C-alpha atoms as a PDB file:
ATOM      1  CA  MET A   1      87.505  84.669  72.438  1.00  0.00           C
ATOM      2  CA  HIS A   2      86.141  87.986  73.406  1.00  0.00           C
ATOM      3  CA  MET A   3      83.780  88.007  76.127  1.00  0.00           C
ATOM      4  CA  ALA A   4      82.703  91.433  76.778  1.00  0.00           C
ATOM      5  CA  ASN A   5      79.941  90.084  79.202  1.00  0.00           C
ATOM      6  CA  THR A   6      82.230  88.101  81.294  1.00  0.00           C
ATOM      7  CA  GLN A   7      81.220  90.156  84.440  1.00  0.00           C
ATOM      8  CA  ASP A   8      77.786  88.350  84.254  1.00  0.00           C
ATOM      9  CA  THR A   9      79.606  85.403  85.971  1.00  0.00           C
ATOM     10  CA  CYS A  10      80.604  87.759  89.074  1.00  0.00           C
ATOM     11  CA  LYS A  11      78.726  89.650  91.554  1.00  0.00           C
ATOM     12  CA  GLU A  12      79.599  93.183  90.575  1.00  0.00           C
ATOM     13  CA  THR A  13      79.319  95.851  93.153  1.00  0.00           C
ATOM     14  CA  MET A  14      80.093  99.731  93.133  1.00  0.00           C
ATOM     15  CA  LYS A  15      83.350  98.899  94.742  1.00  0.00           C
ATOM     16  CA  GLN A  16      84.697  96.484  92.522  1.00  0.00           C
ATOM     17  CA  HIS A  17      87.863  96.702  90.524  1.00  0.00           C
ATOM     18  CA  ARG A  18      87.478  95.973  86.768  1.00  0.00           C
ATOM     19  CA  ILE A  19      89.739  93.428  85.379  1.00  0.00           C
ATOM     20  CA  MET A  20      90.653  92.615  81.584  1.00  0.00           C
ATOM     21  CA  LEU A  21      92.201  89.119  80.642  1.00  0.00           C
ATOM     22  CA  VAL A  22      94.239  89.109  77.504  1.00  0.00           C
ATOM     23  CA  ASP A  23      95.646  85.643  76.927  1.00  0.00           C
ATOM     24  CA  ASP A  24      95.344  82.834  74.067  1.00  0.00           C
ATOM     25  CA  HIS A  25      94.413  80.144  76.099  1.00  0.00           C
ATOM     26  CA  SER A  26      90.845  79.936  77.288  1.00  0.00           C
ATOM     27  CA  LEU A  27      91.673  77.420  80.182  1.00  0.00           C
ATOM     28  CA  LEU A  28      93.810  79.782  81.724  1.00  0.00           C
ATOM     29  CA  ARG A  29      91.244  82.648  81.499  1.00  0.00           C
ATOM     30  CA  SER A  30      88.613  80.429  82.812  1.00  0.00           C
ATOM     31  CA  GLY A  31      90.851  79.953  85.911  1.00  0.00           C
ATOM     32  CA  LEU A  32      91.833  83.283  86.198  1.00  0.00           C
ATOM     33  CA  VAL A  33      88.077  84.291  86.031  1.00  0.00           C
ATOM     34  CA  ARG A  34      87.332  81.763  88.925  1.00  0.00           C
ATOM     35  CA  VAL A  35      90.244  83.233  90.907  1.00  0.00           C
ATOM     36  CA  LEU A  36      89.580  87.067  90.505  1.00  0.00           C
ATOM     37  CA  CYS A  37      85.865  86.523  90.701  1.00  0.00           C
ATOM     38  CA  ASP A  38      86.595  84.745  94.364  1.00  0.00           C
ATOM     39  CA  GLU A  39      87.586  88.061  95.676  1.00  0.00           C
ATOM     40  CA  PRO A  40      84.757  90.304  96.730  1.00  0.00           C
ATOM     41  CA  ASP A  41      86.335  93.557  95.388  1.00  0.00           C
ATOM     42  CA  MET A  42      87.234  92.384  91.932  1.00  0.00           C
ATOM     43  CA  THR A  43      85.255  91.242  88.790  1.00  0.00           C
ATOM     44  CA  VAL A  44      86.361  90.152  85.179  1.00  0.00           C
ATOM     45  CA  CYS A  45      84.951  92.742  82.596  1.00  0.00           C
ATOM     46  CA  GLY A  46      86.248  91.404  79.606  1.00  0.00           C
ATOM     47  CA  GLU A  47      88.348  88.393  78.148  1.00  0.00           C
ATOM     48  CA  ALA A  48      90.207  88.758  74.650  1.00  0.00           C
ATOM     49  CA  ASP A  49      92.702  86.334  73.042  1.00  0.00           C
ATOM     50  CA  THR A  50      94.523  88.667  70.662  1.00  0.00           C
ATOM     51  CA  ALA A  51      95.983  92.055  71.202  1.00  0.00           C
ATOM     52  CA  GLN A  52      93.489  93.514  68.272  1.00  0.00           C
ATOM     53  CA  LYS A  53      90.541  92.295  70.103  1.00  0.00           C
ATOM     54  CA  ALA A  54      91.852  93.763  73.663  1.00  0.00           C
ATOM     55  CA  VAL A  55      92.240  96.956  72.144  1.00  0.00           C
ATOM     56  CA  SER A  56      88.984  97.065  70.730  1.00  0.00           C
ATOM     57  CA  ILE A  57      86.812  96.103  73.711  1.00  0.00           C
ATOM     58  CA  ILE A  58      88.778  98.246  76.131  1.00  0.00           C
ATOM     59  CA  PRO A  59      86.105 101.040  75.624  1.00  0.00           C
ATOM     60  CA  GLU A  60      82.974  98.962  76.119  1.00  0.00           C
ATOM     61  CA  CYS A  61      84.754  97.125  79.282  1.00  0.00           C
ATOM     62  CA  LYS A  62      86.563 100.235  80.920  1.00  0.00           C
ATOM     63  CA  PRO A  63      89.119  98.121  82.967  1.00  0.00           C
ATOM     64  CA  ASP A  64      90.959  99.561  85.942  1.00  0.00           C
ATOM     65  CA  LEU A  65      93.443  96.827  85.072  1.00  0.00           C
ATOM     66  CA  MET A  66      94.558  94.686  82.349  1.00  0.00           C
ATOM     67  CA  ILE A  67      96.457  91.248  82.728  1.00  0.00           C
ATOM     68  CA  VAL A  68      98.261  90.225  79.704  1.00  0.00           C
ATOM     69  CA  ASP A  69     100.323  87.286  78.523  1.00  0.00           C
ATOM     70  CA  ILE A  70     103.401  87.924  76.173  1.00  0.00           C
ATOM     71  CA  SER A  71     102.831  85.195  73.637  1.00  0.00           C
ATOM     72  CA  LEU A  72      99.613  86.412  71.760  1.00  0.00           C
ATOM     73  CA  LYS A  73      98.379  85.409  68.117  1.00  0.00           C
ATOM     74  CA  ASP A  74      98.925  88.650  66.750  1.00  0.00           C
ATOM     75  CA  ILE A  75     101.159  90.955  68.301  1.00  0.00           C
ATOM     76  CA  ASP A  76     103.239  90.252  71.401  1.00  0.00           C
ATOM     77  CA  GLY A  77     102.061  91.296  74.845  1.00  0.00           C
ATOM     78  CA  LEU A  78     104.977  93.913  75.409  1.00  0.00           C
ATOM     79  CA  ARG A  79     103.946  95.760  72.036  1.00  0.00           C
ATOM     80  CA  LEU A  80     100.220  95.629  72.908  1.00  0.00           C
ATOM     81  CA  THR A  81     101.385  97.068  76.612  1.00  0.00           C
ATOM     82  CA  LYS A  82     103.316 100.150  74.785  1.00  0.00           C
ATOM     83  CA  LEU A  83      99.991 100.365  72.455  1.00  0.00           C
ATOM     84  CA  VAL A  84      97.636 100.648  75.553  1.00  0.00           C
ATOM     85  CA  ARG A  85      99.864 102.599  77.712  1.00  0.00           C
ATOM     86  CA  ARG A  86      99.779 105.316  74.696  1.00  0.00           C
ATOM     87  CA  GLN A  87      96.180 105.231  74.338  1.00  0.00           C
ATOM     88  CA  HIS A  88      95.056 104.490  78.265  1.00  0.00           C
ATOM     89  CA  PRO A  89      97.814 106.032  80.078  1.00  0.00           C
ATOM     90  CA  ALA A  90      95.940 105.527  83.489  1.00  0.00           C
ATOM     91  CA  MET A  91      95.168 101.927  83.152  1.00  0.00           C
ATOM     92  CA  ARG A  92      97.099  99.649  85.170  1.00  0.00           C
ATOM     93  CA  ILE A  93      99.143  96.734  83.608  1.00  0.00           C
ATOM     94  CA  LEU A  94     100.178  93.293  84.885  1.00  0.00           C
ATOM     95  CA  VAL A  95     102.167  90.895  82.630  1.00  0.00           C
ATOM     96  CA  LEU A  96     101.754  87.248  83.411  1.00  0.00           C
ATOM     97  CA  SER A  97     103.726  85.131  81.518  1.00  0.00           C
ATOM     98  CA  MET A  98     105.278  81.675  81.707  1.00  0.00           C
ATOM     99  CA  HIS A  99     108.690  83.654  80.222  1.00  0.00           C
ATOM    100  CA  ASP A 100     111.578  84.115  82.355  1.00  0.00           C
ATOM    101  CA  GLN A 101     111.196  86.702  84.717  1.00  0.00           C
ATOM    102  CA  TYR A 102     114.859  87.468  84.443  1.00  0.00           C
ATOM    103  CA  LEU A 103     114.623  87.945  80.602  1.00  0.00           C
ATOM    104  CA  TYR A 104     111.124  90.049  80.461  1.00  0.00           C
ATOM    105  CA  ALA A 105     110.685  91.743  83.720  1.00  0.00           C
ATOM    106  CA  GLY A 106     112.732  94.551  82.740  1.00  0.00           C
ATOM    107  CA  LYS A 107     111.253  94.756  78.864  1.00  0.00           C
ATOM    108  CA  ALA A 108     107.652  94.580  80.441  1.00  0.00           C
ATOM    109  CA  LEU A 109     108.246  97.859  82.576  1.00  0.00           C
ATOM    110  CA  ARG A 110     110.204  99.480  79.955  1.00  0.00           C
ATOM    111  CA  ALA A 111     107.044  99.028  77.667  1.00  0.00           C
ATOM    112  CA  GLY A 112     104.871 100.428  80.110  1.00  0.00           C
ATOM    113  CA  ALA A 113     104.001  97.671  82.420  1.00  0.00           C
ATOM    114  CA  ASN A 114     103.120  98.281  86.358  1.00  0.00           C
ATOM    115  CA  GLY A 115     104.356  94.463  86.981  1.00  0.00           C
ATOM    116  CA  TYR A 116     105.429  91.324  85.981  1.00  0.00           C
ATOM    117  CA  LEU A 117     104.469  88.117  87.258  1.00  0.00           C
ATOM    118  CA  MET A 118     105.361  84.615  86.495  1.00  0.00           C
ATOM    119  CA  LYS A 119     102.550  82.150  85.825  1.00  0.00           C
ATOM    120  CA  GLU A 120     104.340  79.099  87.690  1.00  0.00           C
ATOM    121  CA  GLU A 121     103.713  81.359  90.758  1.00  0.00           C
ATOM    122  CA  THR A 122     100.627  80.520  93.392  1.00  0.00           C
ATOM    123  CA  THR A 123      97.245  82.065  93.281  1.00  0.00           C
ATOM    124  CA  GLU A 124      98.054  84.081  96.506  1.00  0.00           C
ATOM    125  CA  ARG A 125     100.805  85.908  95.012  1.00  0.00           C
ATOM    126  CA  LEU A 126      98.743  86.551  91.847  1.00  0.00           C
ATOM    127  CA  ILE A 127      96.091  88.426  94.161  1.00  0.00           C
ATOM    128  CA  GLU A 128      98.781  89.921  96.059  1.00  0.00           C
ATOM    129  CA  ALA A 129     100.282  91.142  92.706  1.00  0.00           C
ATOM    130  CA  VAL A 130      96.889  92.618  91.210  1.00  0.00           C
ATOM    131  CA  ARG A 131      96.190  94.353  94.643  1.00  0.00           C
ATOM    132  CA  ALA A 132      99.615  96.148  94.381  1.00  0.00           C
ATOM    133  CA  VAL A 133      99.291  97.151  90.898  1.00  0.00           C
ATOM    134  CA  LEU A 134      95.808  98.310  91.620  1.00  0.00           C
ATOM    135  CA  ALA A 135      96.847 100.371  94.495  1.00  0.00           C
ATOM    136  CA  GLY A 136      99.688 101.978  92.256  1.00  0.00           C
ATOM    137  CA  ARG A 137     102.454 100.016  93.152  1.00  0.00           C
ATOM    138  CA  THR A 138     105.010  98.374  90.872  1.00  0.00           C
ATOM    139  CA  TRP A 139     105.195  94.658  91.508  1.00  0.00           C
ATOM    140  CA  LEU A 140     108.215  92.661  90.945  1.00  0.00           C
ATOM    141  CA  SER A 141     109.274  89.404  92.508  1.00  0.00           C
ATOM    142  CA  SER A 142     112.019  90.062  95.532  1.00  0.00           C
ATOM    143  CA  GLU A 143     114.357  87.979  93.568  1.00  0.00           C
ATOM    144  CA  ILE A 144     114.545  90.346  90.485  1.00  0.00           C
ATOM    145  CA  ARG A 145     113.685  94.005  92.278  1.00  0.00           C
ATOM    146  CA  ASP A 146     116.999  95.163  92.436  1.00  0.00           C
ATOM    147  CA  GLN A 147     118.246  93.964  88.963  1.00  0.00           C
ATOM    148  CA  VAL A 148     115.291  95.511  87.356  1.00  0.00           C
ATOM    149  CA  LEU A 149     115.710  98.818  88.967  1.00  0.00           C
ATOM    150  CA  HIS A 150     119.047  99.042  87.831  1.00  0.00           C
ATOM    151  CA  THR A 151     118.678  97.860  84.569  1.00  0.00           C
ATOM    152  CA  VAL A 152     115.314  99.463  83.620  1.00  0.00           C
ATOM    153  CA  SER A 153     116.046 102.755  84.662  1.00  0.00           C
ATOM    154  CA  GLY A 154     117.577 105.441  82.344  1.00  0.00           C
ATOM    155  CA  PRO A 155     120.005 107.784  82.857  1.00  0.00           C
ATOM    156  CA  ALA A 156     117.747 110.468  84.226  1.00  0.00           C
ATOM    157  CA  GLU A 157     116.726 108.138  86.626  1.00  0.00           C
ATOM    158  CA  LYS A 158     119.788 106.775  87.794  1.00  0.00           C
ATOM    159  CA  ALA A 159     121.031 110.531  88.297  1.00  0.00           C
ATOM    160  CA  ALA A 160     117.634 111.672  89.898  1.00  0.00           C
ATOM    161  CA  THR A 161     118.021 113.907  93.015  1.00  0.00           C
ATOM    162  CA  CYS A 162     116.034 115.950  94.669  1.00  0.00           C
ATOM    163  CA  ASP A 163     117.646 119.004  94.498  1.00  0.00           C
ATOM    164  CA  ARG A 164     115.419 120.199  91.904  1.00  0.00           C
ATOM    165  CA  LEU A 165     112.281 119.384  93.678  1.00  0.00           C
ATOM    166  CA  SER A 166     110.122 121.388  96.305  1.00  0.00           C
ATOM    167  CA  ASP A 167     109.860 120.206  99.786  1.00  0.00           C
ATOM    168  CA  ARG A 168     106.205 118.820  99.358  1.00  0.00           C
ATOM    169  CA  GLU A 169     107.598 117.282  95.747  1.00  0.00           C
ATOM    170  CA  ARG A 170     110.651 115.488  97.870  1.00  0.00           C
ATOM    171  CA  GLN A 171     108.097 114.199 100.435  1.00  0.00           C
ATOM    172  CA  ILE A 172     105.619 112.844  97.679  1.00  0.00           C
ATOM    173  CA  PHE A 173     109.064 111.358  96.110  1.00  0.00           C
ATOM    174  CA  ARG A 174     109.781 109.728  98.924  1.00  0.00           C
ATOM    175  CA  PHE A 175     106.537 108.270  99.788  1.00  0.00           C
ATOM    176  CA  LEU A 176     106.541 106.921  95.843  1.00  0.00           C
ATOM    177  CA  GLY A 177     109.851 105.047  96.636  1.00  0.00           C
ATOM    178  CA  MET A 178     108.360 103.511  99.840  1.00  0.00           C
ATOM    179  CA  GLY A 179     105.436 102.047  97.645  1.00  0.00           C
ATOM    180  CA  TYR A 180     102.600 104.271  98.257  1.00  0.00           C
ATOM    181  CA  GLY A 181     100.080 105.220  95.814  1.00  0.00           C
ATOM    182  CA  SER A 182      98.413 108.584  95.267  1.00  0.00           C
ATOM    183  CA  ARG A 183      95.146 108.001  97.760  1.00  0.00           C
ATOM    184  CA  ALA A 184      97.459 106.727 100.279  1.00  0.00           C
ATOM    185  CA  ILE A 185     100.013 109.594 100.005  1.00  0.00           C
ATOM    186  CA  ALA A 186      97.252 112.317  99.986  1.00  0.00           C
ATOM    187  CA  HIS A 187      95.972 110.683 103.113  1.00  0.00           C
ATOM    188  CA  LYS A 188      99.444 110.741 104.902  1.00  0.00           C
ATOM    189  CA  LEU A 189      99.907 114.532 104.012  1.00  0.00           C
ATOM    190  CA  CYS A 190      96.208 115.716 104.224  1.00  0.00           C
ATOM    191  CA  ILE A 191      95.811 116.890 100.887  1.00  0.00           C
ATOM    192  CA  SER A 192      93.778 115.704  97.856  1.00  0.00           C
ATOM    193  CA  THR A 193      94.553 112.970  95.427  1.00  0.00           C
ATOM    194  CA  LYS A 194      94.599 115.507  92.839  1.00  0.00           C
ATOM    195  CA  THR A 195      97.027 117.448  94.456  1.00  0.00           C
ATOM    196  CA  VAL A 196      99.391 114.444  94.607  1.00  0.00           C
ATOM    197  CA  ASP A 197      98.730 113.833  90.889  1.00  0.00           C
ATOM    198  CA  THR A 198      99.712 117.558  90.214  1.00  0.00           C
ATOM    199  CA  HIS A 199     102.980 117.406  92.174  1.00  0.00           C
ATOM    200  CA  ARG A 200     103.934 113.938  90.407  1.00  0.00           C
ATOM    201  CA  ALA A 201     103.449 115.438  86.900  1.00  0.00           C
ATOM    202  CA  ARG A 202     105.676 118.334  88.061  1.00  0.00           C
ATOM    203  CA  ILE A 203     108.442 115.571  89.528  1.00  0.00           C
ATOM    204  CA  LYS A 204     108.305 114.040  86.168  1.00  0.00           C
ATOM    205  CA  VAL A 205     109.164 116.961  84.298  1.00  0.00           C
ATOM    206  CA  LYS A 206     111.985 118.205  86.936  1.00  0.00           C
ATOM    207  CA  LEU A 207     113.729 114.906  86.690  1.00  0.00           C
ATOM    208  CA  GLY A 208     113.023 114.188  82.905  1.00  0.00           C
ATOM    209  CA  ILE A 209     111.078 110.970  83.602  1.00  0.00           C
ATOM    210  CA  ASP A 210     108.812 110.174  80.661  1.00  0.00           C
ATOM    211  CA  SER A 211     106.444 107.685  82.350  1.00  0.00           C
ATOM    212  CA  ALA A 212     104.675 106.780  85.672  1.00  0.00           C
ATOM    213  CA  PRO A 213     106.431 103.119  86.010  1.00  0.00           C
ATOM    214  CA  ARG A 214     109.922 104.787  85.520  1.00  0.00           C
ATOM    215  CA  LEU A 215     108.889 107.391  87.945  1.00  0.00           C
ATOM    216  CA  ILE A 216     108.113 104.837  90.764  1.00  0.00           C
ATOM    217  CA  LEU A 217     111.196 102.749  90.123  1.00  0.00           C
ATOM    218  CA  ALA A 218     113.488 106.122  90.060  1.00  0.00           C
ATOM    219  CA  ALA A 219     111.695 107.053  93.597  1.00  0.00           C
ATOM    220  CA  ALA A 220     112.356 103.691  94.753  1.00  0.00           C
ATOM    221  CA  GLU A 221     115.793 103.580  93.867  1.00  0.00           C
ATOM    222  CA  TRP A 222     116.510 106.919  95.353  1.00  0.00           C
ATOM    223  CA  ALA A 223     114.716 106.085  98.472  1.00  0.00           C
ATOM    224  CA  HIS A 224     117.068 102.778  99.014  1.00  0.00           C
ATOM    225  CA  ARG A 225     119.899 105.227  98.288  1.00  0.00           C
ATOM    226  CA  GLU A 226     118.416 107.672 100.987  1.00  0.00           C
ATOM    227  CA  GLY A 227     117.906 104.635 103.483  1.00  0.00           C
ATOM    228  CA  SER A 228     113.793 104.772 103.535  1.00  0.00           C
ATOM    229  CA  VAL A 229     112.538 101.667 104.655  1.00  0.00           C
ATOM    230  CA  ALA A 230     110.346 100.464 101.633  1.00  0.00           C
ATOM    231  CA  PRO A 231     108.002  97.429 101.417  1.00  0.00           C
ATOM    232  CA  ALA A 232     108.194  94.938  98.762  1.00  0.00           C
ATOM    233  CA  LEU A 233     107.126  96.104  95.154  1.00  0.00           C
END
């Protein structure tokens, strides 16, 4: 059920990340609201039990992150992810599902999700995944990360090299592969976040990569080949 005023149950501040929940189980949504709102920097700005409702309330809720289940009443969460990715390219998306990650994590990332988490995971793991995705990183469990990196990456990503990149673009590509978001990279290189984002766009064009999640995956795979030390995604 649509609850666009869910944020009333949380003490909202200017620094809080806005999160929208899309799941057709009301009890699960209620539990997620309690867990997320216990975090001082998070608030639940809206809920939906169907993909149609989710799309309709995004303009009102203005979420930074959407947590979506795969099994919904109208269309599945992967199709919803593709739709939202086209309409709201900057939004972060975390798929939270009971479906086997070995079968669906790769599909979720190909659809445009920024992470995949099993519902059986702990509350601590959920918060860890949410924070990683909000920070601009791609979240995958350590058990499937290598598998998904190889199966999700397209031919362009697998063959990605830095030969076509400038020195600055190569620096940024390496940091992306190590799990850093645009803001953290900007801080490390003493440049603006806007400049980092401009370089990211140029890197995508030069390497023939068509989405931000695939850029991160390509960078992570390249960093692994080059021997860069990367934190768990």
